[in-house]
Each structure stands twice: as structure tokens, then as C-alpha cells.
Amino acid sequence: MAILPILKAPDPRLTKVSRPVEQFDRTLAELAQNMLETMYAANGIGLAAPQVDVQQRMVVMDLHGEDEPRNPQILVNPEVLDASEETATMSEGCLSVPEAYEEVERPARVTVRYQDLDGVTRTRECTGLEAVCWQHEIDHLDGVLFVDHLTRLTRDRIIQRLVKEKRLARRGRDRTIRPAA
């Protein structure tokens, strides 16, 4: 298994709409395992395939508590079938938007449909953190980041910080490559 590089905003690949998974094979299962390993290594609770530069509709999640055993979920071609009018606000973060946590309002309950790694279709109703995580990860499959749900000012502030950090990191790498005079 391998830890995959996670794309960071404002990478334009994160804004693409992913295509449905059509082949349920060993390659898909290996991608799912690599995504889980990547998510765990980054201390995340969810990861969508576009975040690792794979434009397919697949998500991995694990919402286990600190003192609970891991409970990985692999969701292929997930979609929201129904969402409650009632909303809930939770603090969200994202592995593609490092060190940014903001309050996001979303439907409090969703009914979702997905396929497992064998292609079997399943449906479930989610509330609380699970509902938020499903919606957040499905957004990734549609090219939407959680910061796109924020005010323009807040979103721009976060993206500008990420651009600045990327520029500073690049400048630091450039300095280490240059030979001493």
C-alpha cells in the first residue's frame, strides 16, 4: 500500500467534476486501500478520490472515536437522495485546505445511496457528523470545497493564505537548490 500526495487548494484539479466508477476490480480496491492509508496518515476522517488526483466518484471515511477500533467505509458513486430542510452548523476542516476550520451550515439529515467495492448498491440515512462528512466528501466529487460554502471574504482570506504559504515554501526550496557563491 502507498500514501498518496494530497492536492491542496487552490489547485484547479480540485474543482473538476469526477466521473462515475464503472469498473469494480482489483485496481479500485487497491486505490481504496491507498486512500484509507493516506487519510489515516494525515489524521483525516474522510478523503475523496479527487483529493489524490483521481477523477472518479469514490470516497473513504472513518468516523471512529479516539478509543474505538477503526471502522473504514468505502463509498463508490455516492449521492444524496434526500436532505432535510432542518440544518445544522458544524466546524469543518479539510485535508486539501490545511489548518482552516470554519462553521458550515448543511442539512441536518441526508439519505444517501452508494455502491460498495463489489458494486452492490446500498442506501442509508445519516445525521450529525456522519451527515456532514457525507455531504463534504460528495462536494469534492462535484468540484466543491467546504470553503465554497463560506462568505466570499472568508473564502478569499483562506485561499490567499494557502497561496502565500505555497509561494514561501517554493521560495525556500529554491534557496536550498542554489549553489553557494
N, C-alpha and C. Protein backbone atom coordinates (compact mmCIF):
# COMPACT_ATOMS: atom_id res chain seq x y z
N MET A 1 0.84 -1.18 0.00
CA MET A 1 0.00 0.00 0.00
C MET A 1 0.88 1.25 0.00
N ALA A 2 0.28 2.37 -0.38
CA ALA A 2 1.06 3.60 -0.52
C ALA A 2 0.29 4.79 0.03
N ILE A 3 1.05 5.74 0.53
CA ILE A 3 0.48 7.02 0.93
C ILE A 3 0.56 7.93 -0.30
N LEU A 4 -0.58 8.46 -0.68
CA LEU A 4 -0.68 9.28 -1.89
C LEU A 4 -0.55 10.76 -1.55
N PRO A 5 -0.01 11.57 -2.48
CA PRO A 5 0.04 13.02 -2.23
C PRO A 5 -1.38 13.61 -2.29
N ILE A 6 -1.67 14.50 -1.35
CA ILE A 6 -2.98 15.15 -1.29
C ILE A 6 -2.87 16.53 -1.93
N LEU A 7 -3.75 16.79 -2.91
CA LEU A 7 -3.78 18.10 -3.56
C LEU A 7 -4.24 19.16 -2.57
N LYS A 8 -3.67 20.35 -2.67
CA LYS A 8 -4.03 21.47 -1.79
C LYS A 8 -4.67 22.58 -2.61
N ALA A 9 -5.68 23.23 -2.04
CA ALA A 9 -6.31 24.39 -2.67
C ALA A 9 -5.25 25.47 -2.81
N PRO A 10 -5.28 26.25 -3.86
CA PRO A 10 -6.31 26.35 -4.89
C PRO A 10 -6.01 25.54 -6.15
N ASP A 11 -5.50 24.35 -6.04
CA ASP A 11 -5.18 23.51 -7.20
C ASP A 11 -6.45 23.34 -8.05
N PRO A 12 -6.39 23.69 -9.33
CA PRO A 12 -7.59 23.63 -10.19
C PRO A 12 -8.14 22.21 -10.36
N ARG A 13 -7.35 21.18 -10.13
CA ARG A 13 -7.85 19.81 -10.24
C ARG A 13 -8.92 19.51 -9.20
N LEU A 14 -8.93 20.30 -8.10
CA LEU A 14 -9.94 20.10 -7.06
C LEU A 14 -11.31 20.64 -7.46
N THR A 15 -11.37 21.39 -8.55
CA THR A 15 -12.65 21.98 -8.98
C THR A 15 -13.31 21.19 -10.11
N LYS A 16 -12.73 20.07 -10.49
CA LYS A 16 -13.30 19.25 -11.56
C LYS A 16 -14.40 18.33 -11.03
N VAL A 17 -15.39 18.07 -11.87
CA VAL A 17 -16.44 17.11 -11.53
C VAL A 17 -15.93 15.72 -11.89
N SER A 18 -16.01 14.81 -10.94
CA SER A 18 -15.49 13.44 -11.14
C SER A 18 -16.46 12.59 -11.94
N ARG A 19 -15.91 11.61 -12.64
CA ARG A 19 -16.74 10.71 -13.43
C ARG A 19 -17.10 9.47 -12.59
N PRO A 20 -18.25 8.88 -12.89
CA PRO A 20 -18.67 7.69 -12.14
C PRO A 20 -17.69 6.52 -12.32
N VAL A 21 -17.60 5.71 -11.29
CA VAL A 21 -16.82 4.47 -11.36
C VAL A 21 -17.67 3.45 -12.10
N GLU A 22 -17.07 2.81 -13.09
CA GLU A 22 -17.79 1.79 -13.86
C GLU A 22 -17.20 0.40 -13.69
N GLN A 23 -15.91 0.34 -13.33
CA GLN A 23 -15.25 -0.97 -13.16
C GLN A 23 -14.97 -1.22 -11.69
N PHE A 24 -15.51 -2.30 -11.19
CA PHE A 24 -15.29 -2.71 -9.81
C PHE A 24 -14.31 -3.87 -9.84
N ASP A 25 -13.04 -3.54 -9.69
CA ASP A 25 -11.99 -4.54 -9.85
C ASP A 25 -10.90 -4.35 -8.80
N ARG A 26 -9.85 -5.11 -8.97
CA ARG A 26 -8.73 -5.07 -8.02
C ARG A 26 -8.08 -3.68 -7.97
N THR A 27 -8.00 -3.00 -9.11
CA THR A 27 -7.40 -1.66 -9.16
C THR A 27 -8.19 -0.70 -8.28
N LEU A 28 -9.53 -0.79 -8.32
CA LEU A 28 -10.37 0.07 -7.50
C LEU A 28 -10.15 -0.24 -6.02
N ALA A 29 -10.08 -1.52 -5.67
CA ALA A 29 -9.86 -1.92 -4.28
C ALA A 29 -8.50 -1.43 -3.78
N GLU A 30 -7.48 -1.49 -4.63
CA GLU A 30 -6.15 -1.00 -4.25
C GLU A 30 -6.17 0.51 -4.04
N LEU A 31 -6.87 1.23 -4.92
CA LEU A 31 -7.00 2.68 -4.74
C LEU A 31 -7.68 2.99 -3.41
N ALA A 32 -8.74 2.26 -3.10
CA ALA A 32 -9.46 2.47 -1.84
C ALA A 32 -8.53 2.25 -0.64
N GLN A 33 -7.74 1.20 -0.67
CA GLN A 33 -6.81 0.93 0.44
C GLN A 33 -5.74 2.01 0.54
N ASN A 34 -5.22 2.47 -0.59
CA ASN A 34 -4.24 3.56 -0.58
C ASN A 34 -4.85 4.85 -0.05
N MET A 35 -6.10 5.10 -0.42
CA MET A 35 -6.78 6.30 0.08
C MET A 35 -6.99 6.22 1.59
N LEU A 36 -7.38 5.05 2.09
CA LEU A 36 -7.54 4.88 3.54
C LEU A 36 -6.21 5.11 4.25
N GLU A 37 -5.15 4.51 3.73
CA GLU A 37 -3.83 4.68 4.34
C GLU A 37 -3.42 6.15 4.35
N THR A 38 -3.69 6.84 3.25
CA THR A 38 -3.37 8.27 3.13
C THR A 38 -4.18 9.08 4.14
N MET A 39 -5.48 8.79 4.24
CA MET A 39 -6.36 9.50 5.17
C MET A 39 -5.90 9.30 6.61
N TYR A 40 -5.60 8.07 6.99
CA TYR A 40 -5.14 7.80 8.35
C TYR A 40 -3.81 8.51 8.64
N ALA A 41 -2.90 8.48 7.68
CA ALA A 41 -1.58 9.12 7.87
C ALA A 41 -1.72 10.63 8.05
N ALA A 42 -2.76 11.22 7.44
CA ALA A 42 -2.98 12.67 7.54
C ALA A 42 -3.93 13.03 8.68
N ASN A 43 -4.34 12.03 9.49
CA ASN A 43 -5.27 12.25 10.60
C ASN A 43 -6.60 12.83 10.14
N GLY A 44 -7.09 12.35 9.00
CA GLY A 44 -8.38 12.81 8.49
C GLY A 44 -9.47 11.83 8.83
N ILE A 45 -10.73 12.25 8.58
CA ILE A 45 -11.88 11.37 8.78
C ILE A 45 -12.56 11.05 7.45
N GLY A 46 -12.13 11.72 6.38
CA GLY A 46 -12.68 11.46 5.06
C GLY A 46 -11.71 11.91 3.99
N LEU A 47 -11.78 11.26 2.84
CA LEU A 47 -10.92 11.61 1.71
C LEU A 47 -11.63 11.20 0.43
N ALA A 48 -11.71 12.12 -0.51
CA ALA A 48 -12.34 11.85 -1.80
C ALA A 48 -11.25 11.64 -2.85
N ALA A 49 -11.53 10.79 -3.83
CA ALA A 49 -10.54 10.46 -4.86
C ALA A 49 -9.96 11.70 -5.55
N PRO A 50 -10.74 12.74 -5.85
CA PRO A 50 -10.13 13.91 -6.49
C PRO A 50 -9.04 14.57 -5.65
N GLN A 51 -9.08 14.39 -4.34
CA GLN A 51 -8.05 14.98 -3.47
C GLN A 51 -6.69 14.31 -3.68
N VAL A 52 -6.70 13.10 -4.25
CA VAL A 52 -5.44 12.42 -4.56
C VAL A 52 -5.27 12.32 -6.08
N ASP A 53 -5.90 13.26 -6.77
CA ASP A 53 -5.78 13.43 -8.22
C ASP A 53 -6.30 12.24 -9.02
N VAL A 54 -7.38 11.64 -8.53
CA VAL A 54 -8.07 10.58 -9.27
C VAL A 54 -9.50 11.09 -9.47
N GLN A 55 -9.86 11.37 -10.72
CA GLN A 55 -11.16 11.98 -11.00
C GLN A 55 -12.26 10.93 -11.14
N GLN A 56 -12.46 10.17 -10.07
CA GLN A 56 -13.52 9.17 -10.01
C GLN A 56 -14.35 9.40 -8.76
N ARG A 57 -15.61 8.97 -8.81
CA ARG A 57 -16.54 9.20 -7.71
C ARG A 57 -16.38 8.12 -6.64
N MET A 58 -15.36 8.28 -5.82
CA MET A 58 -15.13 7.37 -4.71
C MET A 58 -14.65 8.17 -3.50
N VAL A 59 -15.11 7.73 -2.33
CA VAL A 59 -14.80 8.39 -1.06
C VAL A 59 -14.45 7.31 -0.04
N VAL A 60 -13.52 7.63 0.85
CA VAL A 60 -13.29 6.78 2.02
C VAL A 60 -13.53 7.63 3.26
N MET A 61 -14.06 7.00 4.31
CA MET A 61 -14.34 7.71 5.56
C MET A 61 -14.11 6.76 6.73
N ASP A 62 -13.82 7.34 7.87
CA ASP A 62 -13.77 6.57 9.11
C ASP A 62 -14.04 7.54 10.24
N LEU A 63 -15.19 7.39 10.86
CA LEU A 63 -15.63 8.31 11.91
C LEU A 63 -15.48 7.71 13.31
N HIS A 64 -14.59 6.72 13.45
CA HIS A 64 -14.41 6.08 14.76
C HIS A 64 -13.88 7.09 15.78
N GLY A 65 -14.25 6.89 17.02
CA GLY A 65 -13.76 7.74 18.10
C GLY A 65 -12.35 7.36 18.50
N GLU A 66 -11.75 8.21 19.33
CA GLU A 66 -10.35 8.00 19.74
C GLU A 66 -10.10 6.64 20.37
N ASP A 67 -11.03 6.19 21.20
CA ASP A 67 -10.84 4.93 21.92
C ASP A 67 -11.58 3.76 21.27
N GLU A 68 -11.96 3.93 20.02
CA GLU A 68 -12.70 2.89 19.31
C GLU A 68 -11.84 2.30 18.19
N PRO A 69 -12.13 1.06 17.79
CA PRO A 69 -11.37 0.49 16.66
C PRO A 69 -11.74 1.19 15.35
N ARG A 70 -10.83 1.14 14.41
CA ARG A 70 -11.10 1.74 13.10
C ARG A 70 -12.34 1.12 12.47
N ASN A 71 -13.07 1.95 11.73
CA ASN A 71 -14.29 1.50 11.07
C ASN A 71 -14.35 2.11 9.67
N PRO A 72 -13.47 1.66 8.76
CA PRO A 72 -13.40 2.28 7.44
C PRO A 72 -14.65 2.02 6.61
N GLN A 73 -15.05 3.06 5.88
CA GLN A 73 -16.16 2.96 4.93
C GLN A 73 -15.62 3.34 3.55
N ILE A 74 -15.97 2.56 2.55
CA ILE A 74 -15.57 2.85 1.18
C ILE A 74 -16.86 3.04 0.39
N LEU A 75 -17.01 4.22 -0.18
CA LEU A 75 -18.26 4.62 -0.82
C LEU A 75 -17.99 4.93 -2.29
N VAL A 76 -18.57 4.15 -3.16
CA VAL A 76 -18.37 4.33 -4.60
C VAL A 76 -19.65 4.92 -5.20
N ASN A 77 -19.47 5.93 -6.04
CA ASN A 77 -20.59 6.63 -6.69
C ASN A 77 -21.64 7.11 -5.69
N PRO A 78 -21.22 7.73 -4.58
CA PRO A 78 -22.20 8.18 -3.59
C PRO A 78 -23.01 9.37 -4.09
N GLU A 79 -24.25 9.43 -3.63
CA GLU A 79 -25.10 10.57 -3.97
C GLU A 79 -26.11 10.80 -2.85
N VAL A 80 -26.50 12.05 -2.70
CA VAL A 80 -27.53 12.41 -1.73
C VAL A 80 -28.87 12.28 -2.43
N LEU A 81 -29.75 11.44 -1.88
CA LEU A 81 -31.08 11.25 -2.45
C LEU A 81 -32.07 12.25 -1.87
N ASP A 82 -31.89 12.57 -0.59
CA ASP A 82 -32.83 13.46 0.10
C ASP A 82 -32.08 14.18 1.21
N ALA A 83 -32.44 15.42 1.44
CA ALA A 83 -31.83 16.22 2.50
C ALA A 83 -32.93 16.94 3.27
N SER A 84 -32.78 16.99 4.58
CA SER A 84 -33.79 17.64 5.41
C SER A 84 -33.76 19.15 5.21
N GLU A 85 -34.90 19.77 5.47
CA GLU A 85 -34.94 21.24 5.46
C GLU A 85 -34.25 21.78 6.70
N GLU A 86 -34.32 21.00 7.78
CA GLU A 86 -33.63 21.39 9.01
C GLU A 86 -32.13 21.38 8.76
N THR A 87 -31.44 22.39 9.28
CA THR A 87 -30.00 22.47 9.08
C THR A 87 -29.26 22.36 10.40
N ALA A 88 -27.98 22.10 10.29
CA ALA A 88 -27.09 22.06 11.45
C ALA A 88 -25.80 22.75 11.04
N THR A 89 -25.17 23.39 12.00
CA THR A 89 -23.90 24.07 11.73
C THR A 89 -22.81 23.37 12.50
N MET A 90 -21.75 23.00 11.78
CA MET A 90 -20.60 22.33 12.41
C MET A 90 -19.32 22.94 11.88
N SER A 91 -18.29 22.85 12.69
CA SER A 91 -16.97 23.29 12.26
C SER A 91 -16.41 22.22 11.33
N GLU A 92 -15.94 22.65 10.14
CA GLU A 92 -15.37 21.73 9.17
C GLU A 92 -13.94 22.11 8.86
N GLY A 93 -13.17 21.11 8.53
CA GLY A 93 -11.81 21.28 8.04
C GLY A 93 -11.65 20.36 6.85
N CYS A 94 -10.49 20.40 6.22
CA CYS A 94 -10.29 19.61 5.01
C CYS A 94 -8.81 19.36 4.79
N LEU A 95 -8.46 18.14 4.40
CA LEU A 95 -7.06 17.82 4.14
C LEU A 95 -6.51 18.61 2.96
N SER A 96 -7.38 19.10 2.07
CA SER A 96 -6.94 19.92 0.93
C SER A 96 -6.92 21.41 1.25
N VAL A 97 -7.38 21.77 2.44
CA VAL A 97 -7.37 23.17 2.90
C VAL A 97 -6.76 23.15 4.30
N PRO A 98 -5.45 22.92 4.40
CA PRO A 98 -4.82 22.70 5.70
C PRO A 98 -4.98 23.87 6.67
N GLU A 99 -5.16 23.51 7.93
CA GLU A 99 -5.21 24.46 9.04
C GLU A 99 -6.30 25.50 8.92
N ALA A 100 -7.39 25.17 8.24
CA ALA A 100 -8.54 26.07 8.15
C ALA A 100 -9.75 25.32 8.68
N TYR A 101 -10.40 25.90 9.67
CA TYR A 101 -11.60 25.31 10.26
C TYR A 101 -12.63 26.42 10.35
N GLU A 102 -13.79 26.19 9.77
CA GLU A 102 -14.85 27.19 9.75
C GLU A 102 -16.21 26.52 9.94
N GLU A 103 -17.15 27.30 10.46
CA GLU A 103 -18.52 26.83 10.64
C GLU A 103 -19.22 26.78 9.28
N VAL A 104 -19.85 25.64 8.98
CA VAL A 104 -20.59 25.47 7.73
C VAL A 104 -21.98 24.95 8.07
N GLU A 105 -22.99 25.56 7.45
CA GLU A 105 -24.37 25.13 7.64
C GLU A 105 -24.76 24.18 6.52
N ARG A 106 -25.30 23.02 6.90
CA ARG A 106 -25.71 22.00 5.93
C ARG A 106 -27.01 21.35 6.43
N PRO A 107 -27.69 20.60 5.56
CA PRO A 107 -28.84 19.83 6.03
C PRO A 107 -28.44 18.90 7.18
N ALA A 108 -29.30 18.82 8.19
CA ALA A 108 -29.00 18.04 9.39
C ALA A 108 -29.11 16.53 9.15
N ARG A 109 -29.93 16.14 8.16
CA ARG A 109 -30.14 14.72 7.87
C ARG A 109 -30.12 14.53 6.37
N VAL A 110 -29.46 13.47 5.92
CA VAL A 110 -29.45 13.14 4.50
C VAL A 110 -29.68 11.65 4.31
N THR A 111 -30.34 11.32 3.22
CA THR A 111 -30.45 9.93 2.78
C THR A 111 -29.51 9.80 1.59
N VAL A 112 -28.64 8.82 1.67
CA VAL A 112 -27.60 8.68 0.64
C VAL A 112 -27.64 7.28 0.03
N ARG A 113 -27.17 7.23 -1.21
CA ARG A 113 -27.05 5.95 -1.91
C ARG A 113 -25.61 5.85 -2.41
N TYR A 114 -25.06 4.65 -2.36
CA TYR A 114 -23.69 4.42 -2.82
C TYR A 114 -23.54 2.96 -3.20
N GLN A 115 -22.40 2.63 -3.77
CA GLN A 115 -22.08 1.24 -4.06
C GLN A 115 -20.85 0.86 -3.24
N ASP A 116 -20.78 -0.42 -2.87
CA ASP A 116 -19.58 -0.90 -2.18
C ASP A 116 -18.57 -1.36 -3.23
N LEU A 117 -17.45 -1.91 -2.80
CA LEU A 117 -16.40 -2.32 -3.74
C LEU A 117 -16.81 -3.48 -4.66
N ASP A 118 -17.90 -4.15 -4.32
CA ASP A 118 -18.41 -5.22 -5.18
C ASP A 118 -19.48 -4.71 -6.15
N GLY A 119 -19.79 -3.41 -6.06
CA GLY A 119 -20.80 -2.83 -6.94
C GLY A 119 -22.22 -2.96 -6.41
N VAL A 120 -22.38 -3.46 -5.18
CA VAL A 120 -23.70 -3.61 -4.59
C VAL A 120 -24.19 -2.23 -4.12
N THR A 121 -25.41 -1.87 -4.53
CA THR A 121 -25.98 -0.57 -4.17
C THR A 121 -26.58 -0.64 -2.78
N ARG A 122 -26.29 0.39 -1.99
CA ARG A 122 -26.79 0.47 -0.62
C ARG A 122 -27.36 1.86 -0.38
N THR A 123 -28.28 1.96 0.57
CA THR A 123 -28.88 3.24 0.95
C THR A 123 -28.83 3.34 2.46
N ARG A 124 -28.62 4.56 2.96
CA ARG A 124 -28.64 4.76 4.41
C ARG A 124 -29.02 6.19 4.73
N GLU A 125 -29.52 6.37 5.94
CA GLU A 125 -29.86 7.70 6.43
C GLU A 125 -28.80 8.12 7.43
N CYS A 126 -28.34 9.36 7.34
CA CYS A 126 -27.26 9.84 8.19
C CYS A 126 -27.66 11.14 8.88
N THR A 127 -27.16 11.29 10.10
CA THR A 127 -27.34 12.54 10.85
C THR A 127 -26.01 12.90 11.49
N GLY A 128 -25.96 14.08 12.09
CA GLY A 128 -24.79 14.51 12.84
C GLY A 128 -23.53 14.57 11.99
N LEU A 129 -22.41 14.19 12.61
CA LEU A 129 -21.11 14.24 11.93
C LEU A 129 -21.11 13.39 10.66
N GLU A 130 -21.79 12.25 10.70
CA GLU A 130 -21.82 11.39 9.51
C GLU A 130 -22.48 12.11 8.33
N ALA A 131 -23.59 12.81 8.58
CA ALA A 131 -24.27 13.55 7.51
C ALA A 131 -23.37 14.65 6.96
N VAL A 132 -22.68 15.35 7.86
CA VAL A 132 -21.77 16.41 7.43
C VAL A 132 -20.65 15.83 6.58
N CYS A 133 -20.06 14.74 7.03
CA CYS A 133 -18.94 14.13 6.30
C CYS A 133 -19.38 13.65 4.92
N TRP A 134 -20.53 13.00 4.82
CA TRP A 134 -21.03 12.56 3.51
C TRP A 134 -21.16 13.75 2.57
N GLN A 135 -21.79 14.82 3.05
CA GLN A 135 -22.02 15.98 2.19
C GLN A 135 -20.70 16.64 1.79
N HIS A 136 -19.78 16.76 2.74
CA HIS A 136 -18.47 17.36 2.48
C HIS A 136 -17.72 16.56 1.41
N GLU A 137 -17.69 15.24 1.55
CA GLU A 137 -16.94 14.41 0.61
C GLU A 137 -17.62 14.34 -0.76
N ILE A 138 -18.94 14.28 -0.79
CA ILE A 138 -19.64 14.30 -2.08
C ILE A 138 -19.41 15.63 -2.79
N ASP A 139 -19.34 16.72 -2.03
CA ASP A 139 -19.00 18.02 -2.63
C ASP A 139 -17.68 17.92 -3.40
N HIS A 140 -16.68 17.25 -2.83
CA HIS A 140 -15.40 17.10 -3.52
C HIS A 140 -15.58 16.45 -4.89
N LEU A 141 -16.48 15.48 -4.98
CA LEU A 141 -16.71 14.78 -6.24
C LEU A 141 -17.32 15.69 -7.29
N ASP A 142 -17.95 16.77 -6.82
CA ASP A 142 -18.56 17.76 -7.71
C ASP A 142 -17.71 19.01 -7.87
N GLY A 143 -16.46 18.95 -7.40
CA GLY A 143 -15.54 20.08 -7.56
C GLY A 143 -15.79 21.22 -6.60
N VAL A 144 -16.41 20.93 -5.46
CA VAL A 144 -16.74 21.96 -4.47
C VAL A 144 -15.96 21.69 -3.19
N LEU A 145 -15.33 22.74 -2.66
CA LEU A 145 -14.62 22.65 -1.37
C LEU A 145 -15.49 23.26 -0.28
N PHE A 146 -15.25 22.90 0.97
CA PHE A 146 -16.06 23.45 2.05
C PHE A 146 -15.97 24.96 2.11
N VAL A 147 -14.83 25.53 1.70
CA VAL A 147 -14.69 26.99 1.72
C VAL A 147 -15.62 27.66 0.72
N ASP A 148 -16.12 26.92 -0.27
CA ASP A 148 -17.07 27.48 -1.23
C ASP A 148 -18.43 27.74 -0.59
N HIS A 149 -18.66 27.21 0.61
CA HIS A 149 -19.91 27.44 1.34
C HIS A 149 -19.80 28.64 2.28
N LEU A 150 -18.63 29.25 2.35
CA LEU A 150 -18.39 30.38 3.26
C LEU A 150 -18.63 31.70 2.54
N THR A 151 -18.58 32.78 3.31
CA THR A 151 -18.67 34.09 2.67
C THR A 151 -17.48 34.26 1.75
N ARG A 152 -17.64 35.09 0.75
CA ARG A 152 -16.55 35.32 -0.21
C ARG A 152 -15.31 35.85 0.50
N LEU A 153 -15.50 36.75 1.45
CA LEU A 153 -14.38 37.34 2.18
C LEU A 153 -13.60 36.26 2.94
N THR A 154 -14.30 35.40 3.67
CA THR A 154 -13.64 34.34 4.44
C THR A 154 -12.94 33.36 3.51
N ARG A 155 -13.62 32.97 2.44
CA ARG A 155 -13.03 32.04 1.47
C ARG A 155 -11.76 32.63 0.87
N ASP A 156 -11.83 33.87 0.42
CA ASP A 156 -10.66 34.52 -0.21
C ASP A 156 -9.50 34.63 0.77
N ARG A 157 -9.80 34.92 2.03
CA ARG A 157 -8.74 35.03 3.05
C ARG A 157 -8.01 33.70 3.21
N ILE A 158 -8.76 32.62 3.27
CA ILE A 158 -8.17 31.29 3.43
C ILE A 158 -7.34 30.92 2.20
N ILE A 159 -7.89 31.12 1.02
CA ILE A 159 -7.17 30.77 -0.22
C ILE A 159 -5.91 31.62 -0.37
N GLN A 160 -5.99 32.91 -0.05
CA GLN A 160 -4.80 33.77 -0.14
C GLN A 160 -3.70 33.28 0.79
N ARG A 161 -4.08 32.82 1.98
CA ARG A 161 -3.08 32.29 2.92
C ARG A 161 -2.41 31.05 2.34
N LEU A 162 -3.19 30.17 1.73
CA LEU A 162 -2.63 28.96 1.14
C LEU A 162 -1.69 29.28 -0.02
N VAL A 163 -2.07 30.25 -0.85
CA VAL A 163 -1.22 30.66 -1.97
C VAL A 163 0.09 31.22 -1.44
N LYS A 164 0.00 32.05 -0.41
CA LYS A 164 1.21 32.66 0.18
C LYS A 164 2.12 31.58 0.76
N GLU A 165 1.54 30.62 1.49
CA GLU A 165 2.34 29.53 2.07
C GLU A 165 3.02 28.70 0.99
N LYS A 166 2.31 28.45 -0.10
CA LYS A 166 2.88 27.68 -1.21
C LYS A 166 4.05 28.45 -1.84
N ARG A 167 3.87 29.75 -2.01
CA ARG A 167 4.92 30.59 -2.59
C ARG A 167 6.15 30.62 -1.68
N LEU A 168 5.94 30.76 -0.37
CA LEU A 168 7.06 30.77 0.58
C LEU A 168 7.77 29.42 0.61
N ALA A 169 7.02 28.34 0.54
CA ALA A 169 7.62 27.00 0.53
C ALA A 169 8.45 26.82 -0.74
N ARG A 170 7.92 27.28 -1.86
CA ARG A 170 8.65 27.16 -3.12
C ARG A 170 9.93 27.99 -3.07
N ARG A 171 9.83 29.19 -2.51
CA ARG A 171 11.00 30.06 -2.39
C ARG A 171 12.06 29.41 -1.51
N GLY A 172 11.64 28.75 -0.43
CA GLY A 172 12.57 28.05 0.45
C GLY A 172 13.26 26.90 -0.25
N ARG A 173 12.52 26.16 -1.09
CA ARG A 173 13.13 25.06 -1.86
C ARG A 173 14.12 25.61 -2.87
N ASP A 174 13.78 26.74 -3.50
CA ASP A 174 14.68 27.34 -4.49
C ASP A 174 16.01 27.73 -3.84
N ARG A 175 15.96 28.22 -2.62
CA ARG A 175 17.18 28.63 -1.92
C ARG A 175 18.07 27.44 -1.60
N THR A 176 17.46 26.33 -1.28
CA THR A 176 18.27 25.16 -0.92
C THR A 176 18.90 24.51 -2.14
N ILE A 177 18.36 24.78 -3.31
CA ILE A 177 18.89 24.19 -4.54
C ILE A 177 20.06 25.00 -5.09
N ARG A 178 20.02 26.31 -4.91
CA ARG A 178 21.06 27.17 -5.48
C ARG A 178 22.42 26.90 -4.84
N PRO A 179 23.46 26.82 -5.66
CA PRO A 179 24.80 26.62 -5.10
C PRO A 179 25.29 27.90 -4.42
N ALA A 180 26.10 27.73 -3.40
CA ALA A 180 26.66 28.89 -2.68
C ALA A 180 27.64 29.61 -3.59
N ALA A 181 27.66 30.94 -3.47
CA ALA A 181 28.55 31.76 -4.33
C ALA A 181 29.96 31.78 -3.80
